[in-house]
Structure formats: structure tokens, C-alpha cells
């Protein structure tokens, strides 16, 4: 923990590899955590699985990369730092404008996370 879910548009393995390095460093720096505890899951979005502003598929003007960050609760200041540095990482890796990167934080308490059958608060 933490882990990220990244929904992107037909990204190449090279782009995802770059994104992995940059986003892991960004999150580790923001939260003062080790990279060994960070995982990421990529999901490919294609023309038949996206809409924005009432437009379906690639007719949508903006194609957003959607990122979910699942982590233990952090302060607003730390989430703000993470949001900025993660956005910069995705902008660099994907070559998109910052407005195309959307990040949602799904904070959890340690008693809401289990690894190997044990709650993280134990």
C-alpha cells in the first residue's frame, strides 16, 4: 500500500514503463515512503469505452487519463503535494497537458486494509 489504478488510452509499454518510474518516485517523495510498497495497475481505454461532456468515443474533445490513488490517509498538504508531482509525472510520461490528468485519492484507515489476511493496523 499504496497502489494506483491508471486508466489510459492505448499507451505503449514504453510509456507505461516511464510512467511507472516517474509516478513511483513522485508518490514516494510526496509521502516519504519506500518504492517497494507501491504497486500500479494499468487499464487500457479505447474508443468504445470512453465518453466526456456528452460525446462518445474519440469524438470527445478531452481524453483524460484517470488515476486512482489508494493509500492510508494523509494530510491535505501531503495529498496536494502528491497531486502536483503525480500530474507532472503523467504529463511527462504521456506527453499530455495537465488538464488531461485527473487524480482521485481513495484514503483508507489501516483497519480497512488487509495484507495476507491481517489488517494493517495490527
PDB file of N, CA and C in Angstrom:
ATOM      1  N   UNK A   1       0.864  -1.154   0.000  1.00  0.00           N
ATOM      2  CA  UNK A   1       0.000   0.000   0.000  1.00  0.00           C
ATOM      3  C   UNK A   1       0.906   1.212   0.000  1.00  0.00           C
ATOM      4  N   UNK A   2       0.768   2.138  -0.835  1.00  0.00           N
ATOM      5  CA  UNK A   2      -0.361   2.460  -1.689  1.00  0.00           C
ATOM      6  C   UNK A   2      -0.303   1.736  -3.041  1.00  0.00           C
ATOM      7  N   UNK A   3      -1.460   1.797  -3.726  1.00  0.00           N
ATOM      8  CA  UNK A   3      -1.461   1.339  -5.104  1.00  0.00           C
ATOM      9  C   UNK A   3      -2.234   2.323  -5.948  1.00  0.00           C
ATOM     10  N   UNK A   4      -1.911   2.313  -7.238  1.00  0.00           N
ATOM     11  CA  UNK A   4      -2.546   3.224  -8.180  1.00  0.00           C
ATOM     12  C   UNK A   4      -3.236   2.428  -9.267  1.00  0.00           C
ATOM     13  N   UNK A   5      -4.367   2.930  -9.700  1.00  0.00           N
ATOM     14  CA  UNK A   5      -5.065   2.415 -10.887  1.00  0.00           C
ATOM     15  C   UNK A   5      -4.984   3.516 -11.927  1.00  0.00           C
ATOM     16  N   UNK A   6      -4.484   3.181 -13.107  1.00  0.00           N
ATOM     17  CA  UNK A   6      -4.319   4.159 -14.166  1.00  0.00           C
ATOM     18  C   UNK A   6      -5.138   3.716 -15.373  1.00  0.00           C
ATOM     19  N   UNK A   7      -6.050   4.557 -15.784  1.00  0.00           N
ATOM     20  CA  UNK A   7      -6.873   4.315 -16.965  1.00  0.00           C
ATOM     21  C   UNK A   7      -6.344   5.231 -18.064  1.00  0.00           C
ATOM     22  N   UNK A   8      -5.746   4.633 -19.111  1.00  0.00           N
ATOM     23  CA  UNK A   8      -5.134   5.422 -20.167  1.00  0.00           C
ATOM     24  C   UNK A   8      -5.605   4.947 -21.536  1.00  0.00           C
ATOM     25  N   UNK A   9      -5.153   5.635 -22.565  1.00  0.00           N
ATOM     26  CA  UNK A   9      -5.588   5.374 -23.936  1.00  0.00           C
ATOM     27  C   UNK A   9      -4.483   4.706 -24.741  1.00  0.00           C
ATOM     28  N   UNK A  10      -4.581   3.386 -24.872  1.00  0.00           N
ATOM     29  CA  UNK A  10      -3.687   2.643 -25.756  1.00  0.00           C
ATOM     30  C   UNK A  10      -2.216   3.024 -25.607  1.00  0.00           C
ATOM     31  N   UNK A  11      -1.760   3.178 -24.384  1.00  0.00           N
ATOM     32  CA  UNK A  11      -0.362   3.552 -24.142  1.00  0.00           C
ATOM     33  C   UNK A  11       0.557   2.382 -24.473  1.00  0.00           C
ATOM     34  N   UNK A  12       1.713   2.716 -24.976  1.00  0.00           N
ATOM     35  CA  UNK A  12       2.710   1.683 -25.273  1.00  0.00           C
ATOM     36  C   UNK A  12       3.352   1.201 -23.968  1.00  0.00           C
ATOM     37  N   UNK A  13       3.962   0.022 -24.005  1.00  0.00           N
ATOM     38  CA  UNK A  13       4.690  -0.439 -22.816  1.00  0.00           C
ATOM     39  C   UNK A  13       5.794   0.545 -22.391  1.00  0.00           C
ATOM     40  N   UNK A  14       6.431   1.202 -23.354  1.00  0.00           N
ATOM     41  CA  UNK A  14       7.487   2.164 -23.031  1.00  0.00           C
ATOM     42  C   UNK A  14       6.928   3.356 -22.259  1.00  0.00           C
ATOM     43  N   UNK A  15       5.757   3.858 -22.676  1.00  0.00           N
ATOM     44  CA  UNK A  15       5.121   4.978 -21.971  1.00  0.00           C
ATOM     45  C   UNK A  15       4.751   4.557 -20.553  1.00  0.00           C
ATOM     46  N   UNK A  16       4.187   3.370 -20.423  1.00  0.00           N
ATOM     47  CA  UNK A  16       3.805   2.890 -19.093  1.00  0.00           C
ATOM     48  C   UNK A  16       5.034   2.637 -18.211  1.00  0.00           C
ATOM     49  N   UNK A  17       6.118   2.191 -18.805  1.00  0.00           N
ATOM     50  CA  UNK A  17       7.346   1.984 -18.041  1.00  0.00           C
ATOM     51  C   UNK A  17       7.866   3.321 -17.511  1.00  0.00           C
ATOM     52  N   UNK A  18       7.868   4.328 -18.368  1.00  0.00           N
ATOM     53  CA  UNK A  18       8.278   5.671 -17.946  1.00  0.00           C
ATOM     54  C   UNK A  18       7.337   6.206 -16.877  1.00  0.00           C
ATOM     55  N   UNK A  19       6.036   6.043 -17.086  1.00  0.00           N
ATOM     56  CA  UNK A  19       5.054   6.499 -16.095  1.00  0.00           C
ATOM     57  C   UNK A  19       5.271   5.804 -14.761  1.00  0.00           C
ATOM     58  N   UNK A  20       5.562   4.519 -14.796  1.00  0.00           N
ATOM     59  CA  UNK A  20       5.788   3.760 -13.564  1.00  0.00           C
ATOM     60  C   UNK A  20       6.949   4.348 -12.771  1.00  0.00           C
ATOM     61  N   UNK A  21       8.052   4.599 -13.436  1.00  0.00           N
ATOM     62  CA  UNK A  21       9.220   5.150 -12.743  1.00  0.00           C
ATOM     63  C   UNK A  21       8.916   6.535 -12.174  1.00  0.00           C
ATOM     64  N   UNK A  22       8.324   7.391 -12.995  1.00  0.00           N
ATOM     65  CA  UNK A  22       8.074   8.768 -12.567  1.00  0.00           C
ATOM     66  C   UNK A  22       7.013   8.858 -11.476  1.00  0.00           C
ATOM     67  N   UNK A  23       5.917   8.109 -11.623  1.00  0.00           N
ATOM     68  CA  UNK A  23       4.850   8.219 -10.618  1.00  0.00           C
ATOM     69  C   UNK A  23       5.272   7.584  -9.302  1.00  0.00           C
ATOM     70  N   UNK A  24       6.032   6.494  -9.364  1.00  0.00           N
ATOM     71  CA  UNK A  24       6.502   5.877  -8.124  1.00  0.00           C
ATOM     72  C   UNK A  24       7.411   6.836  -7.372  1.00  0.00           C
ATOM     73  N   UNK A  25       8.350   7.450  -8.072  1.00  0.00           N
ATOM     74  CA  UNK A  25       9.233   8.420  -7.424  1.00  0.00           C
ATOM     75  C   UNK A  25       8.426   9.585  -6.864  1.00  0.00           C
ATOM     76  N   UNK A  26       7.481  10.091  -7.631  1.00  0.00           N
ATOM     77  CA  UNK A  26       6.666  11.223  -7.182  1.00  0.00           C
ATOM     78  C   UNK A  26       5.910  10.899  -5.906  1.00  0.00           C
ATOM     79  N   UNK A  27       5.263   9.748  -5.874  1.00  0.00           N
ATOM     80  CA  UNK A  27       4.478   9.378  -4.707  1.00  0.00           C
ATOM     81  C   UNK A  27       5.378   9.092  -3.506  1.00  0.00           C
ATOM     82  N   UNK A  28       6.487   8.424  -3.741  1.00  0.00           N
ATOM     83  CA  UNK A  28       7.427   8.135  -2.647  1.00  0.00           C
ATOM     84  C   UNK A  28       7.993   9.420  -2.052  1.00  0.00           C
ATOM     85  N   UNK A  29       8.346  10.360  -2.904  1.00  0.00           N
ATOM     86  CA  UNK A  29       8.856  11.644  -2.412  1.00  0.00           C
ATOM     87  C   UNK A  29       7.786  12.407  -1.638  1.00  0.00           C
ATOM     88  N   UNK A  30       6.569  12.428  -2.156  1.00  0.00           N
ATOM     89  CA  UNK A  30       5.488  13.178  -1.507  1.00  0.00           C
ATOM     90  C   UNK A  30       5.109  12.581  -0.158  1.00  0.00           C
ATOM     91  N   UNK A  31       5.078  11.256  -0.068  1.00  0.00           N
ATOM     92  CA  UNK A  31       4.603  10.581   1.143  1.00  0.00           C
ATOM     93  C   UNK A  31       5.737  10.041   2.033  1.00  0.00           C
ATOM     94  N   UNK A  32       6.971  10.230   1.613  1.00  0.00           N
ATOM     95  CA  UNK A  32       8.130   9.703   2.354  1.00  0.00           C
ATOM     96  C   UNK A  32       7.986   8.203   2.609  1.00  0.00           C
ATOM     97  N   UNK A  33       7.781   7.469   1.517  1.00  0.00           N
ATOM     98  CA  UNK A  33       7.627   6.015   1.589  1.00  0.00           C
ATOM     99  C   UNK A  33       8.626   5.347   0.656  1.00  0.00           C
ATOM    100  N   UNK A  34       8.808   4.049   0.837  1.00  0.00           N
ATOM    101  CA  UNK A  34       9.733   3.273   0.010  1.00  0.00           C
ATOM    102  C   UNK A  34       9.028   2.770  -1.255  1.00  0.00           C
ATOM    103  N   UNK A  35       9.737   2.694  -2.370  1.00  0.00           N
ATOM    104  CA  UNK A  35       9.113   2.222  -3.610  1.00  0.00           C
ATOM    105  C   UNK A  35       8.659   0.768  -3.545  1.00  0.00           C
ATOM    106  N   UNK A  36       9.217  -0.015  -2.634  1.00  0.00           N
ATOM    107  CA  UNK A  36       8.855  -1.435  -2.530  1.00  0.00           C
ATOM    108  C   UNK A  36       7.402  -1.656  -2.122  1.00  0.00           C
ATOM    109  N   UNK A  37       6.732  -0.632  -1.627  1.00  0.00           N
ATOM    110  CA  UNK A  37       5.339  -0.807  -1.196  1.00  0.00           C
ATOM    111  C   UNK A  37       4.339  -0.211  -2.185  1.00  0.00           C
ATOM    112  N   UNK A  38       4.815   0.288  -3.319  1.00  0.00           N
ATOM    113  CA  UNK A  38       3.943   0.930  -4.313  1.00  0.00           C
ATOM    114  C   UNK A  38       3.687  -0.031  -5.480  1.00  0.00           C
ATOM    115  N   UNK A  39       2.408  -0.224  -5.807  1.00  0.00           N
ATOM    116  CA  UNK A  39       2.015  -1.030  -6.969  1.00  0.00           C
ATOM    117  C   UNK A  39       1.146  -0.183  -7.886  1.00  0.00           C
ATOM    118  N   UNK A  40       1.114  -0.545  -9.162  1.00  0.00           N
ATOM    119  CA  UNK A  40       0.268   0.153 -10.127  1.00  0.00           C
ATOM    120  C   UNK A  40      -0.396  -0.862 -11.048  1.00  0.00           C
ATOM    121  N   UNK A  41      -1.622  -0.554 -11.416  1.00  0.00           N
ATOM    122  CA  UNK A  41      -2.393  -1.383 -12.339  1.00  0.00           C
ATOM    123  C   UNK A  41      -2.861  -0.482 -13.477  1.00  0.00           C
ATOM    124  N   UNK A  42      -2.537  -0.873 -14.700  1.00  0.00           N
ATOM    125  CA  UNK A  42      -2.911  -0.089 -15.880  1.00  0.00           C
ATOM    126  C   UNK A  42      -4.118  -0.726 -16.559  1.00  0.00           C
ATOM    127  N   UNK A  43      -5.047   0.115 -16.981  1.00  0.00           N
ATOM    128  CA  UNK A  43      -6.242  -0.317 -17.696  1.00  0.00           C
ATOM    129  C   UNK A  43      -6.325   0.479 -18.990  1.00  0.00           C
ATOM    130  N   UNK A  44      -6.436  -0.215 -20.104  1.00  0.00           N
ATOM    131  CA  UNK A  44      -6.497   0.440 -21.405  1.00  0.00           C
ATOM    132  C   UNK A  44      -7.929   0.848 -21.726  1.00  0.00           C
ATOM    133  N   UNK A  45      -8.082   2.111 -22.075  1.00  0.00           N
ATOM    134  CA  UNK A  45      -9.366   2.648 -22.515  1.00  0.00           C
ATOM    135  C   UNK A  45      -9.278   2.823 -24.026  1.00  0.00           C
ATOM    136  N   UNK A  46     -10.317   2.393 -24.726  1.00  0.00           N
ATOM    137  CA  UNK A  46     -10.315   2.576 -26.176  1.00  0.00           C
ATOM    138  C   UNK A  46     -11.541   3.381 -26.593  1.00  0.00           C
ATOM    139  N   UNK A  47     -11.713   3.544 -27.872  1.00  0.00           N
ATOM    140  CA  UNK A  47     -12.785   4.381 -28.410  1.00  0.00           C
ATOM    141  C   UNK A  47     -14.162   3.939 -27.930  1.00  0.00           C
ATOM    142  N   UNK A  48     -14.357   2.646 -27.734  1.00  0.00           N
ATOM    143  CA  UNK A  48     -15.670   2.122 -27.357  1.00  0.00           C
ATOM    144  C   UNK A  48     -15.899   2.111 -25.843  1.00  0.00           C
ATOM    145  N   UNK A  49     -14.968   2.683 -25.069  1.00  0.00           N
ATOM    146  CA  UNK A  49     -15.128   2.632 -23.611  1.00  0.00           C
ATOM    147  C   UNK A  49     -14.897   3.974 -22.930  1.00  0.00           C
ATOM    148  N   UNK A  50     -15.213   5.077 -23.611  1.00  0.00           N
ATOM    149  CA  UNK A  50     -14.970   6.398 -23.043  1.00  0.00           C
ATOM    150  C   UNK A  50     -15.957   7.405 -23.602  1.00  0.00           C
ATOM    151  N   UNK A  51     -16.356   8.324 -22.736  1.00  0.00           N
ATOM    152  CA  UNK A  51     -17.108   9.493 -23.185  1.00  0.00           C
ATOM    153  C   UNK A  51     -16.767  10.652 -22.265  1.00  0.00           C
ATOM    154  N   UNK A  52     -16.965  11.867 -22.764  1.00  0.00           N
ATOM    155  CA  UNK A  52     -16.738  13.074 -21.971  1.00  0.00           C
ATOM    156  C   UNK A  52     -17.608  14.190 -22.522  1.00  0.00           C
ATOM    157  N   UNK A  53     -18.238  14.919 -21.619  1.00  0.00           N
ATOM    158  CA  UNK A  53     -19.065  16.074 -21.988  1.00  0.00           C
ATOM    159  C   UNK A  53     -20.141  15.704 -23.008  1.00  0.00           C
ATOM    160  N   UNK A  54     -20.700  14.518 -22.871  1.00  0.00           N
ATOM    161  CA  UNK A  54     -21.771  14.083 -23.749  1.00  0.00           C
ATOM    162  C   UNK A  54     -21.330  13.568 -25.097  1.00  0.00           C
ATOM    163  N   UNK A  55     -20.034  13.482 -25.316  1.00  0.00           N
ATOM    164  CA  UNK A  55     -19.506  12.973 -26.580  1.00  0.00           C
ATOM    165  C   UNK A  55     -18.901  11.602 -26.333  1.00  0.00           C
ATOM    166  N   UNK A  56     -19.257  10.647 -27.182  1.00  0.00           N
ATOM    167  CA  UNK A  56     -18.808   9.271 -27.031  1.00  0.00           C
ATOM    168  C   UNK A  56     -17.572   9.005 -27.877  1.00  0.00           C
ATOM    169  N   UNK A  57     -16.697   8.183 -27.345  1.00  0.00           N
ATOM    170  CA  UNK A  57     -15.532   7.720 -28.094  1.00  0.00           C
ATOM    171  C   UNK A  57     -14.539   8.820 -28.364  1.00  0.00           C
ATOM    172  N   UNK A  58     -13.856   8.717 -29.456  1.00  0.00           N
ATOM    173  CA  UNK A  58     -12.806   9.672 -29.770  1.00  0.00           C
ATOM    174  C   UNK A  58     -13.349  10.996 -30.280  1.00  0.00           C
ATOM    175  N   UNK A  59     -14.696  11.136 -30.325  1.00  0.00           N
ATOM    176  CA  UNK A  59     -15.274  12.442 -30.625  1.00  0.00           C
ATOM    177  C   UNK A  59     -15.153  13.376 -29.429  1.00  0.00           C
ATOM    178  N   UNK A  60     -14.908  12.816 -28.256  1.00  0.00           N
ATOM    179  CA  UNK A  60     -14.748  13.641 -27.062  1.00  0.00           C
ATOM    180  C   UNK A  60     -13.534  14.549 -27.236  1.00  0.00           C
ATOM    181  N   UNK A  61     -13.715  15.813 -26.901  1.00  0.00           N
ATOM    182  CA  UNK A  61     -12.643  16.792 -27.080  1.00  0.00           C
ATOM    183  C   UNK A  61     -11.439  16.494 -26.184  1.00  0.00           C
ATOM    184  N   UNK A  62     -11.709  16.127 -24.933  1.00  0.00           N
ATOM    185  CA  UNK A  62     -10.648  15.848 -23.978  1.00  0.00           C
ATOM    186  C   UNK A  62     -10.637  14.357 -23.662  1.00  0.00           C
ATOM    187  N   UNK A  63      -9.485  13.766 -23.763  1.00  0.00           N
ATOM    188  CA  UNK A  63      -9.322  12.360 -23.393  1.00  0.00           C
ATOM    189  C   UNK A  63      -8.482  12.332 -22.126  1.00  0.00           C
ATOM    190  N   UNK A  64      -9.136  12.109 -21.011  1.00  0.00           N
ATOM    191  CA  UNK A  64      -8.467  12.202 -19.721  1.00  0.00           C
ATOM    192  C   UNK A  64      -7.830  10.892 -19.302  1.00  0.00           C
ATOM    193  N   UNK A  65      -6.642  11.009 -18.741  1.00  0.00           N
ATOM    194  CA  UNK A  65      -6.017   9.889 -18.049  1.00  0.00           C
ATOM    195  C   UNK A  65      -6.541   9.967 -16.624  1.00  0.00           C
ATOM    196  N   UNK A  66      -7.161   8.902 -16.167  1.00  0.00           N
ATOM    197  CA  UNK A  66      -7.787   8.877 -14.853  1.00  0.00           C
ATOM    198  C   UNK A  66      -6.941   8.021 -13.924  1.00  0.00           C
ATOM    199  N   UNK A  67      -6.559   8.594 -12.789  1.00  0.00           N
ATOM    200  CA  UNK A  67      -5.688   7.911 -11.835  1.00  0.00           C
ATOM    201  C   UNK A  67      -6.384   7.855 -10.480  1.00  0.00           C
ATOM    202  N   UNK A  68      -6.449   6.652  -9.906  1.00  0.00           N
ATOM    203  CA  UNK A  68      -6.955   6.472  -8.549  1.00  0.00           C
ATOM    204  C   UNK A  68      -5.772   6.115  -7.659  1.00  0.00           C
ATOM    205  N   UNK A  69      -5.621   6.841  -6.559  1.00  0.00           N
ATOM    206  CA  UNK A  69      -4.562   6.569  -5.601  1.00  0.00           C
ATOM    207  C   UNK A  69      -5.213   5.993  -4.344  1.00  0.00           C
ATOM    208  N   UNK A  70      -4.922   4.752  -4.061  1.00  0.00           N
ATOM    209  CA  UNK A  70      -5.430   4.084  -2.864  1.00  0.00           C
ATOM    210  C   UNK A  70      -4.287   4.058  -1.854  1.00  0.00           C
ATOM    211  N   UNK A  71      -4.497   4.687  -0.703  1.00  0.00           N
ATOM    212  CA  UNK A  71      -3.416   4.777   0.281  1.00  0.00           C
ATOM    213  C   UNK A  71      -4.006   5.019   1.666  1.00  0.00           C
ATOM    214  N   UNK A  72      -3.147   4.863   2.674  1.00  0.00           N
ATOM    215  CA  UNK A  72      -3.553   5.255   4.015  1.00  0.00           C
ATOM    216  C   UNK A  72      -3.740   6.767   4.041  1.00  0.00           C
ATOM    217  N   UNK A  73      -4.624   7.216   4.903  1.00  0.00           N
ATOM    218  CA  UNK A  73      -4.960   8.639   4.972  1.00  0.00           C
ATOM    219  C   UNK A  73      -3.707   9.485   5.199  1.00  0.00           C
ATOM    220  N   UNK A  74      -3.605  10.550   4.400  1.00  0.00           N
ATOM    221  CA  UNK A  74      -2.542  11.541   4.525  1.00  0.00           C
ATOM    222  C   UNK A  74      -3.188  12.914   4.706  1.00  0.00           C
ATOM    223  N   UNK A  75      -2.411  13.874   5.130  1.00  0.00           N
ATOM    224  CA  UNK A  75      -2.922  15.236   5.310  1.00  0.00           C
ATOM    225  C   UNK A  75      -3.251  15.853   3.948  1.00  0.00           C
ATOM    226  N   UNK A  76      -4.044  16.908   3.981  1.00  0.00           N
ATOM    227  CA  UNK A  76      -4.368  17.637   2.750  1.00  0.00           C
ATOM    228  C   UNK A  76      -3.088  18.160   2.107  1.00  0.00           C
ATOM    229  N   UNK A  77      -2.160  18.649   2.916  1.00  0.00           N
ATOM    230  CA  UNK A  77      -0.909  19.180   2.374  1.00  0.00           C
ATOM    231  C   UNK A  77      -0.128  18.098   1.622  1.00  0.00           C
ATOM    232  N   UNK A  78      -0.062  16.891   2.180  1.00  0.00           N
ATOM    233  CA  UNK A  78       0.656  15.809   1.502  1.00  0.00           C
ATOM    234  C   UNK A  78      -0.074  15.366   0.234  1.00  0.00           C
ATOM    235  N   UNK A  79      -1.408  15.302   0.293  1.00  0.00           N
ATOM    236  CA  UNK A  79      -2.159  14.943  -0.925  1.00  0.00           C
ATOM    237  C   UNK A  79      -1.983  16.017  -1.989  1.00  0.00           C
ATOM    238  N   UNK A  80      -1.943  17.268  -1.589  1.00  0.00           N
ATOM    239  CA  UNK A  80      -1.736  18.359  -2.548  1.00  0.00           C
ATOM    240  C   UNK A  80      -0.362  18.217  -3.219  1.00  0.00           C
ATOM    241  N   UNK A  81       0.658  17.925  -2.424  1.00  0.00           N
ATOM    242  CA  UNK A  81       1.999  17.704  -2.979  1.00  0.00           C
ATOM    243  C   UNK A  81       1.994  16.518  -3.934  1.00  0.00           C
ATOM    244  N   UNK A  82       1.373  15.416  -3.512  1.00  0.00           N
ATOM    245  CA  UNK A  82       1.298  14.226  -4.365  1.00  0.00           C
ATOM    246  C   UNK A  82       0.545  14.517  -5.660  1.00  0.00           C
ATOM    247  N   UNK A  83      -0.557  15.256  -5.573  1.00  0.00           N
ATOM    248  CA  UNK A  83      -1.341  15.574  -6.771  1.00  0.00           C
ATOM    249  C   UNK A  83      -0.503  16.339  -7.785  1.00  0.00           C
ATOM    250  N   UNK A  84       0.249  17.330  -7.321  1.00  0.00           N
ATOM    251  CA  UNK A  84       1.087  18.112  -8.230  1.00  0.00           C
ATOM    252  C   UNK A  84       2.194  17.298  -8.849  1.00  0.00           C
ATOM    253  N   UNK A  85       2.898  16.528  -8.026  1.00  0.00           N
ATOM    254  CA  UNK A  85       4.026  15.769  -8.562  1.00  0.00           C
ATOM    255  C   UNK A  85       3.572  14.600  -9.437  1.00  0.00           C
ATOM    256  N   UNK A  86       2.460  13.965  -9.068  1.00  0.00           N
ATOM    257  CA  UNK A  86       1.936  12.891  -9.921  1.00  0.00           C
ATOM    258  C   UNK A  86       1.457  13.438 -11.261  1.00  0.00           C
ATOM    259  N   UNK A  87       0.778  14.567 -11.242  1.00  0.00           N
ATOM    260  CA  UNK A  87       0.333  15.182 -12.501  1.00  0.00           C
ATOM    261  C   UNK A  87       1.534  15.466 -13.389  1.00  0.00           C
ATOM    262  N   UNK A  88       2.584  16.049 -12.814  1.00  0.00           N
ATOM    263  CA  UNK A  88       3.796  16.319 -13.594  1.00  0.00           C
ATOM    264  C   UNK A  88       4.369  15.031 -14.184  1.00  0.00           C
ATOM    265  N   UNK A  89       4.348  13.945 -13.406  1.00  0.00           N
ATOM    266  CA  UNK A  89       4.872  12.663 -13.879  1.00  0.00           C
ATOM    267  C   UNK A  89       4.078  12.153 -15.081  1.00  0.00           C
ATOM    268  N   UNK A  90       2.755  12.224 -15.007  1.00  0.00           N
ATOM    269  CA  UNK A  90       1.934  11.741 -16.119  1.00  0.00           C
ATOM    270  C   UNK A  90       2.046  12.645 -17.337  1.00  0.00           C
ATOM    271  N   UNK A  91       2.142  13.950 -17.127  1.00  0.00           N
ATOM    272  CA  UNK A  91       2.342  14.876 -18.241  1.00  0.00           C
ATOM    273  C   UNK A  91       3.628  14.532 -18.987  1.00  0.00           C
ATOM    274  N   UNK A  92       4.697  14.283 -18.229  1.00  0.00           N
ATOM    275  CA  UNK A  92       5.982  13.943 -18.861  1.00  0.00           C
ATOM    276  C   UNK A  92       5.930  12.591 -19.567  1.00  0.00           C
ATOM    277  N   UNK A  93       5.361  11.584 -18.892  1.00  0.00           N
ATOM    278  CA  UNK A  93       5.350  10.231 -19.467  1.00  0.00           C
ATOM    279  C   UNK A  93       4.458  10.122 -20.695  1.00  0.00           C
ATOM    280  N   UNK A  94       3.287  10.744 -20.643  1.00  0.00           N
ATOM    281  CA  UNK A  94       2.299  10.588 -21.718  1.00  0.00           C
ATOM    282  C   UNK A  94       2.334  11.719 -22.746  1.00  0.00           C
ATOM    283  N   UNK A  95       3.002  12.817 -22.430  1.00  0.00           N
ATOM    284  CA  UNK A  95       3.036  13.940 -23.356  1.00  0.00           C
ATOM    285  C   UNK A  95       1.691  14.606 -23.524  1.00  0.00           C
ATOM    286  N   UNK A  96       0.926  14.716 -22.435  1.00  0.00           N
ATOM    287  CA  UNK A  96      -0.403  15.330 -22.470  1.00  0.00           C
ATOM    288  C   UNK A  96      -0.388  16.604 -21.624  1.00  0.00           C
ATOM    289  N   UNK A  97      -1.346  17.498 -21.847  1.00  0.00           N
ATOM    290  CA  UNK A  97      -1.429  18.678 -20.977  1.00  0.00           C
ATOM    291  C   UNK A  97      -1.945  18.287 -19.583  1.00  0.00           C
ATOM    292  N   UNK A  98      -1.614  19.087 -18.591  1.00  0.00           N
ATOM    293  CA  UNK A  98      -2.019  18.803 -17.210  1.00  0.00           C
ATOM    294  C   UNK A  98      -3.533  18.667 -17.081  1.00  0.00           C
ATOM    295  N   UNK A  99      -4.296  19.403 -17.876  1.00  0.00           N
ATOM    296  CA  UNK A  99      -5.759  19.324 -17.779  1.00  0.00           C
ATOM    297  C   UNK A  99      -6.293  17.950 -18.191  1.00  0.00           C
ATOM    298  N   UNK A 100      -5.451  17.128 -18.814  1.00  0.00           N
ATOM    299  CA  UNK A 100      -5.868  15.786 -19.227  1.00  0.00           C
ATOM    300  C   UNK A 100      -5.585  14.723 -18.167  1.00  0.00           C
ATOM    301  N   UNK A 101      -5.046  15.130 -17.028  1.00  0.00           N
ATOM    302  CA  UNK A 101      -4.726  14.189 -15.957  1.00  0.00           C
ATOM    303  C   UNK A 101      -5.659  14.461 -14.776  1.00  0.00           C
ATOM    304  N   UNK A 102      -6.421  13.453 -14.391  1.00  0.00           N
ATOM    305  CA  UNK A 102      -7.344  13.569 -13.270  1.00  0.00           C
ATOM    306  C   UNK A 102      -6.941  12.537 -12.227  1.00  0.00           C
ATOM    307  N   UNK A 103      -6.776  12.995 -10.989  1.00  0.00           N
ATOM    308  CA  UNK A 103      -6.342  12.115  -9.909  1.00  0.00           C
ATOM    309  C   UNK A 103      -7.358  12.173  -8.779  1.00  0.00           C
ATOM    310  N   UNK A 104      -7.818  11.001  -8.352  1.00  0.00           N
ATOM    311  CA  UNK A 104      -8.713  10.886  -7.202  1.00  0.00           C
ATOM    312  C   UNK A 104      -7.991  10.103  -6.111  1.00  0.00           C
ATOM    313  N   UNK A 105      -8.107  10.592  -4.897  1.00  0.00           N
ATOM    314  CA  UNK A 105      -7.494   9.940  -3.745  1.00  0.00           C
ATOM    315  C   UNK A 105      -8.554   9.157  -2.985  1.00  0.00           C
ATOM    316  N   UNK A 106      -8.297   7.879  -2.778  1.00  0.00           N
ATOM    317  CA  UNK A 106      -9.169   6.998  -2.016  1.00  0.00           C
ATOM    318  C   UNK A 106      -8.416   6.593  -0.756  1.00  0.00           C
ATOM    319  N   UNK A 107      -8.543   7.423   0.269  1.00  0.00           N
ATOM    320  CA  UNK A 107      -7.812   7.181   1.507  1.00  0.00           C
ATOM    321  C   UNK A 107      -8.505   6.127   2.350  1.00  0.00           C
ATOM    322  N   UNK A 108      -7.705   5.349   3.044  1.00  0.00           N
ATOM    323  CA  UNK A 108      -8.196   4.271   3.901  1.00  0.00           C
ATOM    324  C   UNK A 108      -7.522   4.372   5.256  1.00  0.00           C
ATOM    325  N   UNK A 109      -8.196   3.890   6.277  1.00  0.00           N
ATOM    326  CA  UNK A 109      -7.594   3.718   7.585  1.00  0.00           C
ATOM    327  C   UNK A 109      -6.915   2.347   7.608  1.00  0.00           C
ATOM    328  N   UNK A 110      -5.881   2.168   8.409  1.00  0.00           N
ATOM    329  CA  UNK A 110      -5.177   0.879   8.441  1.00  0.00           C
ATOM    330  C   UNK A 110      -6.080  -0.308   8.765  1.00  0.00           C
ATOM    331  N   UNK A 111      -7.167  -0.084   9.508  1.00  0.00           N
ATOM    332  CA  UNK A 111      -8.058  -1.202   9.826  1.00  0.00           C
ATOM    333  C   UNK A 111      -9.015  -1.542   8.685  1.00  0.00           C
ATOM    334  N   UNK A 112      -8.842  -0.866   7.542  1.00  0.00           N
ATOM    335  CA  UNK A 112      -9.659  -1.142   6.353  1.00  0.00           C
ATOM    336  C   UNK A 112      -8.838  -1.810   5.243  1.00  0.00           C
ATOM    337  N   UNK A 113      -7.613  -2.213   5.561  1.00  0.00           N
ATOM    338  CA  UNK A 113      -6.722  -2.816   4.581  1.00  0.00           C
ATOM    339  C   UNK A 113      -6.159  -4.112   5.156  1.00  0.00           C
ATOM    340  N   UNK A 114      -6.183  -5.162   4.358  1.00  0.00           N
ATOM    341  CA  UNK A 114      -5.630  -6.435   4.773  1.00  0.00           C
ATOM    342  C   UNK A 114      -4.571  -6.887   3.786  1.00  0.00           C
ATOM    343  N   UNK A 115      -3.459  -7.351   4.325  1.00  0.00           N
ATOM    344  CA  UNK A 115      -2.408  -7.990   3.525  1.00  0.00           C
ATOM    345  C   UNK A 115      -2.176  -9.362   4.149  1.00  0.00           C
ATOM    346  N   UNK A 116      -2.240 -10.397   3.331  1.00  0.00           N
ATOM    347  CA  UNK A 116      -2.018 -11.775   3.779  1.00  0.00           C
ATOM    348  C   UNK A 116      -2.950 -12.141   4.928  1.00  0.00           C
ATOM    349  N   UNK A 117      -4.177 -11.621   4.871  1.00  0.00           N
ATOM    350  CA  UNK A 117      -5.184 -11.986   5.856  1.00  0.00           C
ATOM    351  C   UNK A 117      -5.107 -11.234   7.177  1.00  0.00           C
ATOM    352  N   UNK A 118      -4.200 -10.276   7.269  1.00  0.00           N
ATOM    353  CA  UNK A 118      -4.032  -9.499   8.501  1.00  0.00           C
ATOM    354  C   UNK A 118      -4.327  -8.032   8.230  1.00  0.00           C
ATOM    355  N   UNK A 119      -5.131  -7.431   9.114  1.00  0.00           N
ATOM    356  CA  UNK A 119      -5.371  -5.997   8.976  1.00  0.00           C
ATOM    357  C   UNK A 119      -4.072  -5.240   9.201  1.00  0.00           C
ATOM    358  N   UNK A 120      -3.911  -4.151   8.476  1.00  0.00           N
ATOM    359  CA  UNK A 120      -2.679  -3.387   8.535  1.00  0.00           C
ATOM    360  C   UNK A 120      -2.479  -2.672   9.868  1.00  0.00           C
ATOM    361  N   UNK A 121      -3.531  -2.574  10.680  1.00  0.00           N
ATOM    362  CA  UNK A 121      -3.397  -1.883  11.966  1.00  0.00           C
ATOM    363  C   UNK A 121      -2.818  -2.771  13.051  1.00  0.00           C
ATOM    364  N   UNK A 122      -2.557  -4.045  12.729  1.00  0.00           N
ATOM    365  CA  UNK A 122      -2.036  -4.950  13.764  1.00  0.00           C
ATOM    366  C   UNK A 122      -0.536  -5.020  13.747  1.00  0.00           C
TER     367      UNK A 122
END
